[in-house]
Amino acid sequence: MSRMMETLTLGRVVGEVVDMFTPTVKMDVIYSSNKQVSNGHELMPSVITAKPRVDIGGEDMRAAYTLVMTDPDFPSPSDPYLREHLHWLVTDIPGTTDVSFGREVVEYETPKPVVGIHRYVFMLFKQARGRQTVRVPASRDNFNTRQFSQENGLGLPVAAVYFNAQRETAARRR
């Protein structure tokens, strides 16, 4: 098992959010302060207010990808009864480009963890059916990545990364 898959499994992303998969496309998620998302690392809420730049690898610009960002710990890690909360959905992203070339169908919602440490997961899926084939979910709450993927013929992710965040107190900002 690759180191990336190990950290996704240890962080319970594989299991709770997605099934085991083999990463086949490079994906870099970078917030405006040049903070690159790395599995299991913590980012302060003040750093993640604006949507990140997400660079998509791949071999073919004709391939289309869907980016899903969720919080599987919503509203609190000890009682995630609204699991998963959808923070962002971008479809029709051409391979070898970034999300700005895709269609933002669910606008980026700034993560605002109130209680406990939350995981924020970015998952990239290859659109097997081509462009403009992904349907917009009805709600941000109780989003289910597995079900969404199945309904839209996306299969398993081709890349994933997650970070942790918790409420930022005045003392933690210093």
N, C-alpha and C. Protein backbone atom coordinates (compact mmCIF):
# COMPACT_ATOMS: atom_id res chain seq x y z
N MET A 1 0.85 -1.19 0.00
CA MET A 1 0.00 0.00 0.00
C MET A 1 0.89 1.24 0.00
N SER A 2 0.56 2.22 -0.86
CA SER A 2 1.37 3.44 -0.94
C SER A 2 1.22 4.27 0.33
N ARG A 3 2.19 5.12 0.58
CA ARG A 3 2.15 5.99 1.76
C ARG A 3 0.89 6.86 1.76
N MET A 4 0.51 7.36 0.57
CA MET A 4 -0.69 8.20 0.48
C MET A 4 -1.93 7.41 0.90
N MET A 5 -2.04 6.18 0.42
CA MET A 5 -3.20 5.35 0.77
C MET A 5 -3.18 4.99 2.25
N GLU A 6 -1.98 4.80 2.80
CA GLU A 6 -1.86 4.52 4.23
C GLU A 6 -2.43 5.66 5.06
N THR A 7 -2.07 6.89 4.72
CA THR A 7 -2.56 8.04 5.50
C THR A 7 -4.06 8.24 5.30
N LEU A 8 -4.56 7.97 4.09
CA LEU A 8 -6.01 8.07 3.85
C LEU A 8 -6.76 7.00 4.65
N THR A 9 -6.16 5.84 4.81
CA THR A 9 -6.78 4.75 5.58
C THR A 9 -6.71 5.06 7.07
N LEU A 10 -5.54 5.49 7.55
CA LEU A 10 -5.39 5.85 8.97
C LEU A 10 -6.33 6.99 9.35
N GLY A 11 -6.53 7.93 8.44
CA GLY A 11 -7.43 9.06 8.69
C GLY A 11 -8.89 8.70 8.51
N ARG A 12 -9.17 7.43 8.23
CA ARG A 12 -10.52 6.90 8.06
C ARG A 12 -11.26 7.53 6.88
N VAL A 13 -10.53 8.12 5.94
CA VAL A 13 -11.16 8.62 4.71
C VAL A 13 -11.54 7.41 3.87
N VAL A 14 -10.57 6.49 3.70
CA VAL A 14 -10.89 5.20 3.08
C VAL A 14 -11.63 4.41 4.14
N GLY A 15 -12.83 4.04 3.84
CA GLY A 15 -13.68 3.34 4.81
C GLY A 15 -14.93 4.14 5.09
N GLU A 16 -14.76 5.35 5.62
CA GLU A 16 -15.91 6.18 5.97
C GLU A 16 -16.44 7.00 4.80
N VAL A 17 -15.57 7.39 3.88
CA VAL A 17 -15.98 8.28 2.78
C VAL A 17 -15.93 7.57 1.43
N VAL A 18 -14.82 6.91 1.16
CA VAL A 18 -14.65 6.19 -0.11
C VAL A 18 -14.09 4.79 0.16
N ASP A 19 -14.23 3.93 -0.84
CA ASP A 19 -13.64 2.61 -0.77
C ASP A 19 -12.18 2.68 -1.21
N MET A 20 -11.43 1.62 -0.93
CA MET A 20 -10.02 1.56 -1.33
C MET A 20 -9.93 1.77 -2.84
N PHE A 21 -8.96 2.57 -3.26
CA PHE A 21 -8.77 2.85 -4.68
C PHE A 21 -7.29 2.98 -4.97
N THR A 22 -6.94 3.00 -6.24
CA THR A 22 -5.56 3.19 -6.66
C THR A 22 -5.43 4.57 -7.28
N PRO A 23 -4.64 5.46 -6.67
CA PRO A 23 -4.45 6.80 -7.25
C PRO A 23 -3.77 6.70 -8.62
N THR A 24 -4.35 7.37 -9.61
CA THR A 24 -3.78 7.31 -10.97
C THR A 24 -3.53 8.69 -11.56
N VAL A 25 -3.99 9.74 -10.88
CA VAL A 25 -3.83 11.11 -11.38
C VAL A 25 -3.26 11.96 -10.26
N LYS A 26 -2.31 12.82 -10.59
CA LYS A 26 -1.74 13.73 -9.59
C LYS A 26 -2.70 14.90 -9.36
N MET A 27 -2.92 15.24 -8.09
CA MET A 27 -3.77 16.38 -7.74
C MET A 27 -3.09 17.16 -6.63
N ASP A 28 -2.90 18.45 -6.84
CA ASP A 28 -2.33 19.34 -5.82
C ASP A 28 -3.38 20.35 -5.41
N VAL A 29 -3.60 20.48 -4.10
CA VAL A 29 -4.56 21.44 -3.56
C VAL A 29 -3.76 22.47 -2.77
N ILE A 30 -3.84 23.74 -3.19
CA ILE A 30 -3.02 24.78 -2.59
C ILE A 30 -3.89 25.98 -2.25
N TYR A 31 -3.87 26.36 -0.96
CA TYR A 31 -4.60 27.54 -0.53
C TYR A 31 -3.76 28.79 -0.77
N SER A 32 -4.40 29.96 -0.78
CA SER A 32 -3.78 31.22 -1.22
C SER A 32 -2.48 31.58 -0.51
N SER A 33 -2.31 31.11 0.69
CA SER A 33 -1.08 31.44 1.42
C SER A 33 0.03 30.43 1.09
N ASN A 34 -0.10 29.78 -0.07
CA ASN A 34 0.84 28.74 -0.51
C ASN A 34 0.91 27.56 0.44
N LYS A 35 -0.21 27.27 1.10
CA LYS A 35 -0.31 26.11 1.98
C LYS A 35 -0.83 24.94 1.17
N GLN A 36 0.05 23.97 0.91
CA GLN A 36 -0.38 22.78 0.16
C GLN A 36 -1.02 21.80 1.13
N VAL A 37 -2.15 21.24 0.70
CA VAL A 37 -2.86 20.26 1.53
C VAL A 37 -2.10 18.94 1.49
N SER A 38 -1.79 18.42 2.68
CA SER A 38 -1.15 17.11 2.84
C SER A 38 -2.00 16.29 3.78
N ASN A 39 -2.12 15.01 3.50
CA ASN A 39 -2.98 14.14 4.29
C ASN A 39 -2.71 14.24 5.80
N GLY A 40 -3.78 14.57 6.53
CA GLY A 40 -3.71 14.58 7.98
C GLY A 40 -3.10 15.82 8.60
N HIS A 41 -2.58 16.74 7.80
CA HIS A 41 -1.99 17.95 8.36
C HIS A 41 -3.10 18.94 8.72
N GLU A 42 -2.82 19.79 9.68
CA GLU A 42 -3.82 20.76 10.12
C GLU A 42 -3.62 22.10 9.42
N LEU A 43 -4.74 22.69 8.98
CA LEU A 43 -4.73 24.04 8.44
C LEU A 43 -5.65 24.89 9.30
N MET A 44 -5.25 26.12 9.56
CA MET A 44 -6.06 27.03 10.36
C MET A 44 -7.24 27.54 9.52
N PRO A 45 -8.41 27.71 10.13
CA PRO A 45 -9.56 28.24 9.40
C PRO A 45 -9.29 29.57 8.69
N SER A 46 -8.42 30.40 9.25
CA SER A 46 -8.12 31.68 8.61
C SER A 46 -7.38 31.49 7.27
N VAL A 47 -6.77 30.34 7.06
CA VAL A 47 -6.03 30.05 5.83
C VAL A 47 -6.95 29.52 4.73
N ILE A 48 -8.10 28.94 5.11
CA ILE A 48 -8.95 28.23 4.16
C ILE A 48 -10.23 28.97 3.80
N THR A 49 -10.25 30.29 3.99
CA THR A 49 -11.47 31.06 3.72
C THR A 49 -11.80 31.15 2.23
N ALA A 50 -10.79 31.27 1.39
CA ALA A 50 -11.03 31.36 -0.06
C ALA A 50 -10.78 30.00 -0.69
N LYS A 51 -11.47 29.72 -1.79
CA LYS A 51 -11.29 28.41 -2.43
C LYS A 51 -9.84 28.25 -2.87
N PRO A 52 -9.35 27.02 -2.79
CA PRO A 52 -7.96 26.76 -3.17
C PRO A 52 -7.78 26.61 -4.67
N ARG A 53 -6.53 26.63 -5.08
CA ARG A 53 -6.19 26.26 -6.45
C ARG A 53 -6.02 24.74 -6.44
N VAL A 54 -6.61 24.07 -7.37
CA VAL A 54 -6.48 22.62 -7.46
C VAL A 54 -5.95 22.29 -8.86
N ASP A 55 -4.73 21.78 -8.90
CA ASP A 55 -4.10 21.41 -10.17
C ASP A 55 -4.34 19.93 -10.42
N ILE A 56 -4.79 19.62 -11.63
CA ILE A 56 -5.10 18.26 -12.03
C ILE A 56 -4.04 17.77 -13.01
N GLY A 57 -3.51 16.60 -12.76
CA GLY A 57 -2.52 16.01 -13.68
C GLY A 57 -3.23 15.29 -14.80
N GLY A 58 -2.76 14.12 -15.10
CA GLY A 58 -3.36 13.33 -16.17
C GLY A 58 -2.57 13.48 -17.44
N GLU A 59 -2.97 12.74 -18.43
CA GLU A 59 -2.26 12.68 -19.71
C GLU A 59 -3.00 13.42 -20.81
N ASP A 60 -4.31 13.60 -20.62
CA ASP A 60 -5.15 13.99 -21.75
C ASP A 60 -6.07 15.14 -21.38
N MET A 61 -5.96 16.24 -22.09
CA MET A 61 -6.81 17.41 -21.84
C MET A 61 -8.27 17.12 -22.20
N ARG A 62 -8.50 16.09 -23.02
CA ARG A 62 -9.87 15.75 -23.41
C ARG A 62 -10.62 15.00 -22.32
N ALA A 63 -9.88 14.44 -21.36
CA ALA A 63 -10.52 13.75 -20.24
C ALA A 63 -11.18 14.78 -19.32
N ALA A 64 -12.32 14.42 -18.74
CA ALA A 64 -13.03 15.34 -17.84
C ALA A 64 -13.04 14.74 -16.43
N TYR A 65 -12.90 15.63 -15.43
CA TYR A 65 -12.84 15.20 -14.04
C TYR A 65 -13.85 15.98 -13.20
N THR A 66 -14.25 15.36 -12.09
CA THR A 66 -15.13 16.00 -11.10
C THR A 66 -14.39 16.06 -9.78
N LEU A 67 -14.39 17.24 -9.15
CA LEU A 67 -13.79 17.43 -7.83
C LEU A 67 -14.90 17.56 -6.79
N VAL A 68 -14.80 16.78 -5.73
CA VAL A 68 -15.77 16.82 -4.63
C VAL A 68 -15.00 17.14 -3.36
N MET A 69 -15.50 18.12 -2.58
CA MET A 69 -14.91 18.42 -1.27
C MET A 69 -16.00 18.27 -0.22
N THR A 70 -15.75 17.41 0.79
CA THR A 70 -16.74 17.19 1.83
C THR A 70 -16.11 17.24 3.23
N ASP A 71 -16.99 17.38 4.22
CA ASP A 71 -16.64 17.28 5.64
C ASP A 71 -17.39 16.07 6.19
N PRO A 72 -16.70 14.94 6.41
CA PRO A 72 -17.40 13.77 6.94
C PRO A 72 -17.66 13.84 8.44
N ASP A 73 -17.27 14.93 9.08
CA ASP A 73 -17.42 15.07 10.54
C ASP A 73 -18.44 16.14 10.92
N PHE A 74 -19.38 16.41 10.04
CA PHE A 74 -20.34 17.51 10.24
C PHE A 74 -21.59 17.02 10.96
N PRO A 75 -22.10 17.73 11.95
CA PRO A 75 -21.62 19.00 12.50
C PRO A 75 -20.53 18.85 13.57
N SER A 76 -20.36 17.62 14.11
CA SER A 76 -19.26 17.41 15.06
C SER A 76 -18.74 15.99 14.90
N PRO A 77 -17.43 15.80 15.12
CA PRO A 77 -16.84 14.46 14.94
C PRO A 77 -17.47 13.40 15.85
N SER A 78 -17.93 13.81 17.03
CA SER A 78 -18.53 12.83 17.95
C SER A 78 -19.97 12.48 17.57
N ASP A 79 -20.63 13.35 16.78
CA ASP A 79 -22.00 13.09 16.34
C ASP A 79 -22.21 13.65 14.93
N PRO A 80 -21.63 12.98 13.93
CA PRO A 80 -21.70 13.49 12.55
C PRO A 80 -23.01 13.11 11.86
N TYR A 81 -24.14 13.48 12.46
CA TYR A 81 -25.44 13.04 11.93
C TYR A 81 -25.80 13.67 10.59
N LEU A 82 -25.08 14.70 10.15
CA LEU A 82 -25.32 15.28 8.82
C LEU A 82 -24.24 14.86 7.83
N ARG A 83 -23.44 13.84 8.19
CA ARG A 83 -22.34 13.35 7.34
C ARG A 83 -22.87 13.05 5.95
N GLU A 84 -22.17 13.32 4.97
CA GLU A 84 -21.09 14.25 4.76
C GLU A 84 -21.69 15.60 4.39
N HIS A 85 -20.99 16.68 4.71
CA HIS A 85 -21.43 18.01 4.29
C HIS A 85 -20.62 18.38 3.04
N LEU A 86 -21.33 18.72 1.96
CA LEU A 86 -20.68 19.05 0.70
C LEU A 86 -20.22 20.51 0.73
N HIS A 87 -18.91 20.72 0.59
CA HIS A 87 -18.37 22.08 0.60
C HIS A 87 -18.13 22.65 -0.79
N TRP A 88 -17.93 21.76 -1.78
CA TRP A 88 -17.56 22.27 -3.10
C TRP A 88 -17.73 21.15 -4.12
N LEU A 89 -18.22 21.51 -5.31
CA LEU A 89 -18.35 20.53 -6.39
C LEU A 89 -18.05 21.22 -7.71
N VAL A 90 -17.03 20.73 -8.39
CA VAL A 90 -16.64 21.27 -9.70
C VAL A 90 -16.59 20.10 -10.69
N THR A 91 -17.28 20.26 -11.82
CA THR A 91 -17.32 19.20 -12.83
C THR A 91 -16.65 19.66 -14.12
N ASP A 92 -16.49 18.73 -15.03
CA ASP A 92 -15.99 19.02 -16.39
C ASP A 92 -14.62 19.70 -16.39
N ILE A 93 -13.75 19.31 -15.45
CA ILE A 93 -12.39 19.87 -15.40
C ILE A 93 -11.53 19.11 -16.41
N PRO A 94 -10.95 19.80 -17.39
CA PRO A 94 -10.08 19.10 -18.35
C PRO A 94 -8.81 18.60 -17.66
N GLY A 95 -8.36 17.40 -18.05
CA GLY A 95 -7.10 16.88 -17.53
C GLY A 95 -5.97 17.84 -17.85
N THR A 96 -4.92 17.81 -17.07
CA THR A 96 -3.70 18.64 -17.21
C THR A 96 -3.94 20.12 -16.94
N THR A 97 -5.11 20.49 -16.37
CA THR A 97 -5.39 21.91 -16.10
C THR A 97 -5.67 22.08 -14.60
N ASP A 98 -6.49 23.07 -14.25
CA ASP A 98 -6.89 23.26 -12.85
C ASP A 98 -8.39 23.53 -12.80
N VAL A 99 -8.93 23.59 -11.57
CA VAL A 99 -10.39 23.70 -11.42
C VAL A 99 -10.99 24.94 -12.05
N SER A 100 -10.21 25.98 -12.26
CA SER A 100 -10.77 27.20 -12.86
C SER A 100 -11.28 26.94 -14.28
N PHE A 101 -10.86 25.83 -14.90
CA PHE A 101 -11.31 25.47 -16.24
C PHE A 101 -12.57 24.61 -16.21
N GLY A 102 -13.02 24.21 -15.02
CA GLY A 102 -14.20 23.38 -14.88
C GLY A 102 -15.46 24.20 -14.62
N ARG A 103 -16.57 23.49 -14.36
CA ARG A 103 -17.85 24.13 -14.04
C ARG A 103 -18.10 23.99 -12.55
N GLU A 104 -18.11 25.12 -11.83
CA GLU A 104 -18.41 25.09 -10.40
C GLU A 104 -19.92 24.97 -10.25
N VAL A 105 -20.41 23.78 -9.90
CA VAL A 105 -21.85 23.56 -9.81
C VAL A 105 -22.37 23.70 -8.37
N VAL A 106 -21.48 23.55 -7.39
CA VAL A 106 -21.81 23.89 -5.99
C VAL A 106 -20.67 24.78 -5.51
N GLU A 107 -21.01 26.02 -5.21
CA GLU A 107 -20.03 27.04 -4.84
C GLU A 107 -19.23 26.65 -3.60
N TYR A 108 -17.96 27.05 -3.56
CA TYR A 108 -17.09 26.78 -2.42
C TYR A 108 -17.69 27.39 -1.16
N GLU A 109 -17.81 26.59 -0.13
CA GLU A 109 -18.29 27.05 1.17
C GLU A 109 -17.13 26.93 2.16
N THR A 110 -16.76 28.05 2.77
CA THR A 110 -15.64 28.07 3.71
C THR A 110 -15.89 27.12 4.87
N PRO A 111 -14.94 26.21 5.16
CA PRO A 111 -15.08 25.35 6.33
C PRO A 111 -15.07 26.18 7.61
N LYS A 112 -16.03 25.89 8.49
CA LYS A 112 -16.12 26.60 9.77
C LYS A 112 -16.37 25.59 10.88
N PRO A 113 -15.33 24.82 11.25
CA PRO A 113 -15.52 23.83 12.31
C PRO A 113 -15.83 24.51 13.64
N VAL A 114 -16.87 24.05 14.32
CA VAL A 114 -17.27 24.65 15.60
C VAL A 114 -16.80 23.78 16.76
N VAL A 115 -17.02 22.48 16.64
CA VAL A 115 -16.67 21.54 17.71
C VAL A 115 -15.74 20.47 17.19
N GLY A 116 -14.63 20.25 17.85
CA GLY A 116 -13.73 19.16 17.52
C GLY A 116 -12.89 19.39 16.27
N ILE A 117 -12.12 18.36 15.94
CA ILE A 117 -11.25 18.40 14.76
C ILE A 117 -11.99 17.75 13.59
N HIS A 118 -12.15 18.50 12.51
CA HIS A 118 -12.86 18.02 11.33
C HIS A 118 -11.87 17.65 10.23
N ARG A 119 -12.23 16.65 9.44
CA ARG A 119 -11.48 16.29 8.24
C ARG A 119 -12.19 16.92 7.04
N TYR A 120 -11.42 17.50 6.16
CA TYR A 120 -11.96 18.07 4.92
C TYR A 120 -11.28 17.32 3.78
N VAL A 121 -12.10 16.64 2.96
CA VAL A 121 -11.60 15.69 1.98
C VAL A 121 -11.85 16.19 0.56
N PHE A 122 -10.80 16.20 -0.25
CA PHE A 122 -10.90 16.50 -1.68
C PHE A 122 -10.77 15.18 -2.43
N MET A 123 -11.74 14.86 -3.27
CA MET A 123 -11.69 13.63 -4.07
C MET A 123 -11.87 13.99 -5.54
N LEU A 124 -11.09 13.37 -6.38
CA LEU A 124 -11.14 13.61 -7.82
C LEU A 124 -11.60 12.34 -8.52
N PHE A 125 -12.61 12.48 -9.37
CA PHE A 125 -13.16 11.36 -10.13
C PHE A 125 -13.03 11.64 -11.62
N LYS A 126 -12.76 10.61 -12.40
CA LYS A 126 -12.75 10.75 -13.85
C LYS A 126 -14.17 10.52 -14.36
N GLN A 127 -14.64 11.41 -15.20
CA GLN A 127 -15.99 11.32 -15.77
C GLN A 127 -15.97 10.38 -16.96
N ALA A 128 -16.40 9.15 -16.74
CA ALA A 128 -16.38 8.14 -17.80
C ALA A 128 -17.37 8.45 -18.91
N ARG A 129 -18.45 9.16 -18.58
CA ARG A 129 -19.51 9.43 -19.57
C ARG A 129 -19.29 10.73 -20.35
N GLY A 130 -18.18 11.41 -20.10
CA GLY A 130 -17.91 12.65 -20.82
C GLY A 130 -18.40 13.89 -20.05
N ARG A 131 -18.37 15.02 -20.73
CA ARG A 131 -18.73 16.30 -20.10
C ARG A 131 -20.24 16.47 -19.95
N GLN A 132 -20.61 17.33 -19.01
CA GLN A 132 -22.00 17.71 -18.73
C GLN A 132 -22.89 16.49 -18.47
N THR A 133 -22.34 15.53 -17.72
CA THR A 133 -23.10 14.32 -17.40
C THR A 133 -23.31 14.16 -15.90
N VAL A 134 -22.74 15.06 -15.10
CA VAL A 134 -22.83 14.95 -13.64
C VAL A 134 -23.99 15.82 -13.14
N ARG A 135 -24.89 15.18 -12.41
CA ARG A 135 -26.05 15.89 -11.86
C ARG A 135 -25.70 16.56 -10.53
N VAL A 136 -26.29 17.72 -10.30
CA VAL A 136 -26.07 18.49 -9.07
C VAL A 136 -26.90 17.86 -7.94
N PRO A 137 -26.28 17.62 -6.77
CA PRO A 137 -27.05 17.04 -5.66
C PRO A 137 -28.07 18.03 -5.12
N ALA A 138 -29.10 17.49 -4.47
CA ALA A 138 -30.20 18.31 -3.95
C ALA A 138 -29.80 19.13 -2.72
N SER A 139 -28.86 18.62 -1.94
CA SER A 139 -28.53 19.27 -0.67
C SER A 139 -27.05 19.12 -0.36
N ARG A 140 -26.53 20.06 0.44
CA ARG A 140 -25.14 19.95 0.91
C ARG A 140 -25.05 18.96 2.08
N ASP A 141 -26.09 18.92 2.93
CA ASP A 141 -26.08 18.03 4.09
C ASP A 141 -26.46 16.61 3.68
N ASN A 142 -25.94 15.65 4.42
CA ASN A 142 -26.18 14.23 4.16
C ASN A 142 -25.78 13.82 2.75
N PHE A 143 -24.78 14.50 2.21
CA PHE A 143 -24.22 14.13 0.91
C PHE A 143 -23.50 12.80 1.11
N ASN A 144 -23.54 11.94 0.12
CA ASN A 144 -22.87 10.64 0.21
C ASN A 144 -22.00 10.47 -1.03
N THR A 145 -20.69 10.54 -0.83
CA THR A 145 -19.76 10.47 -1.95
C THR A 145 -19.92 9.18 -2.75
N ARG A 146 -20.03 8.05 -2.05
CA ARG A 146 -20.17 6.76 -2.74
C ARG A 146 -21.43 6.75 -3.62
N GLN A 147 -22.55 7.19 -3.05
CA GLN A 147 -23.81 7.20 -3.79
C GLN A 147 -23.74 8.17 -4.97
N PHE A 148 -23.18 9.36 -4.75
CA PHE A 148 -23.02 10.36 -5.81
C PHE A 148 -22.20 9.79 -6.96
N SER A 149 -21.11 9.13 -6.61
CA SER A 149 -20.23 8.52 -7.62
C SER A 149 -20.98 7.46 -8.42
N GLN A 150 -21.73 6.63 -7.72
CA GLN A 150 -22.47 5.56 -8.38
C GLN A 150 -23.55 6.13 -9.30
N GLU A 151 -24.32 7.11 -8.81
CA GLU A 151 -25.41 7.70 -9.60
C GLU A 151 -24.91 8.39 -10.87
N ASN A 152 -23.67 8.87 -10.82
CA ASN A 152 -23.12 9.62 -11.95
C ASN A 152 -22.10 8.82 -12.76
N GLY A 153 -21.99 7.53 -12.47
CA GLY A 153 -21.09 6.66 -13.23
C GLY A 153 -19.63 7.06 -13.12
N LEU A 154 -19.21 7.54 -11.94
CA LEU A 154 -17.84 8.03 -11.76
C LEU A 154 -16.85 6.97 -11.30
N GLY A 155 -17.35 5.90 -10.69
CA GLY A 155 -16.45 4.85 -10.19
C GLY A 155 -15.69 5.31 -8.96
N LEU A 156 -14.53 4.71 -8.74
CA LEU A 156 -13.69 5.06 -7.60
C LEU A 156 -12.90 6.33 -7.89
N PRO A 157 -12.45 7.04 -6.85
CA PRO A 157 -11.63 8.24 -7.09
C PRO A 157 -10.33 7.88 -7.81
N VAL A 158 -9.76 8.87 -8.49
CA VAL A 158 -8.44 8.70 -9.10
C VAL A 158 -7.39 9.44 -8.29
N ALA A 159 -7.86 10.27 -7.33
CA ALA A 159 -6.96 10.99 -6.41
C ALA A 159 -7.79 11.46 -5.22
N ALA A 160 -7.13 11.61 -4.07
CA ALA A 160 -7.78 12.16 -2.89
C ALA A 160 -6.72 12.69 -1.93
N VAL A 161 -7.11 13.71 -1.18
CA VAL A 161 -6.25 14.27 -0.14
C VAL A 161 -7.16 14.93 0.89
N TYR A 162 -6.72 14.95 2.15
CA TYR A 162 -7.54 15.60 3.17
C TYR A 162 -6.67 16.36 4.15
N PHE A 163 -7.30 17.34 4.82
CA PHE A 163 -6.63 18.06 5.89
C PHE A 163 -7.56 18.13 7.08
N ASN A 164 -6.99 18.45 8.22
CA ASN A 164 -7.76 18.63 9.45
C ASN A 164 -7.85 20.11 9.78
N ALA A 165 -8.95 20.50 10.42
CA ALA A 165 -9.10 21.87 10.91
C ALA A 165 -9.98 21.85 12.14
N GLN A 166 -9.73 22.80 13.02
CA GLN A 166 -10.57 22.97 14.19
C GLN A 166 -10.77 24.45 14.44
N ARG A 167 -11.73 24.75 15.28
CA ARG A 167 -12.05 26.15 15.56
C ARG A 167 -10.80 26.89 15.99
N GLU A 168 -10.69 28.09 15.47
CA GLU A 168 -9.52 28.92 15.75
C GLU A 168 -9.86 29.90 16.85
N THR A 169 -9.19 29.76 17.98
CA THR A 169 -9.42 30.71 19.08
C THR A 169 -8.38 31.83 18.94
N ALA A 170 -8.59 32.92 19.66
CA ALA A 170 -7.67 34.05 19.59
C ALA A 170 -6.25 33.60 19.99
N ALA A 171 -6.14 32.73 20.96
CA ALA A 171 -4.84 32.26 21.42
C ALA A 171 -4.14 31.43 20.34
N ARG A 172 -4.88 30.65 19.56
CA ARG A 172 -4.28 29.80 18.52
C ARG A 172 -3.82 30.61 17.33
N ARG A 173 -4.37 31.82 17.12
CA ARG A 173 -4.00 32.64 15.96
C ARG A 173 -2.62 33.24 16.11
N ARG A 174 -2.13 33.35 17.33
CA ARG A 174 -0.84 34.03 17.56
C ARG A 174 0.33 33.27 17.01
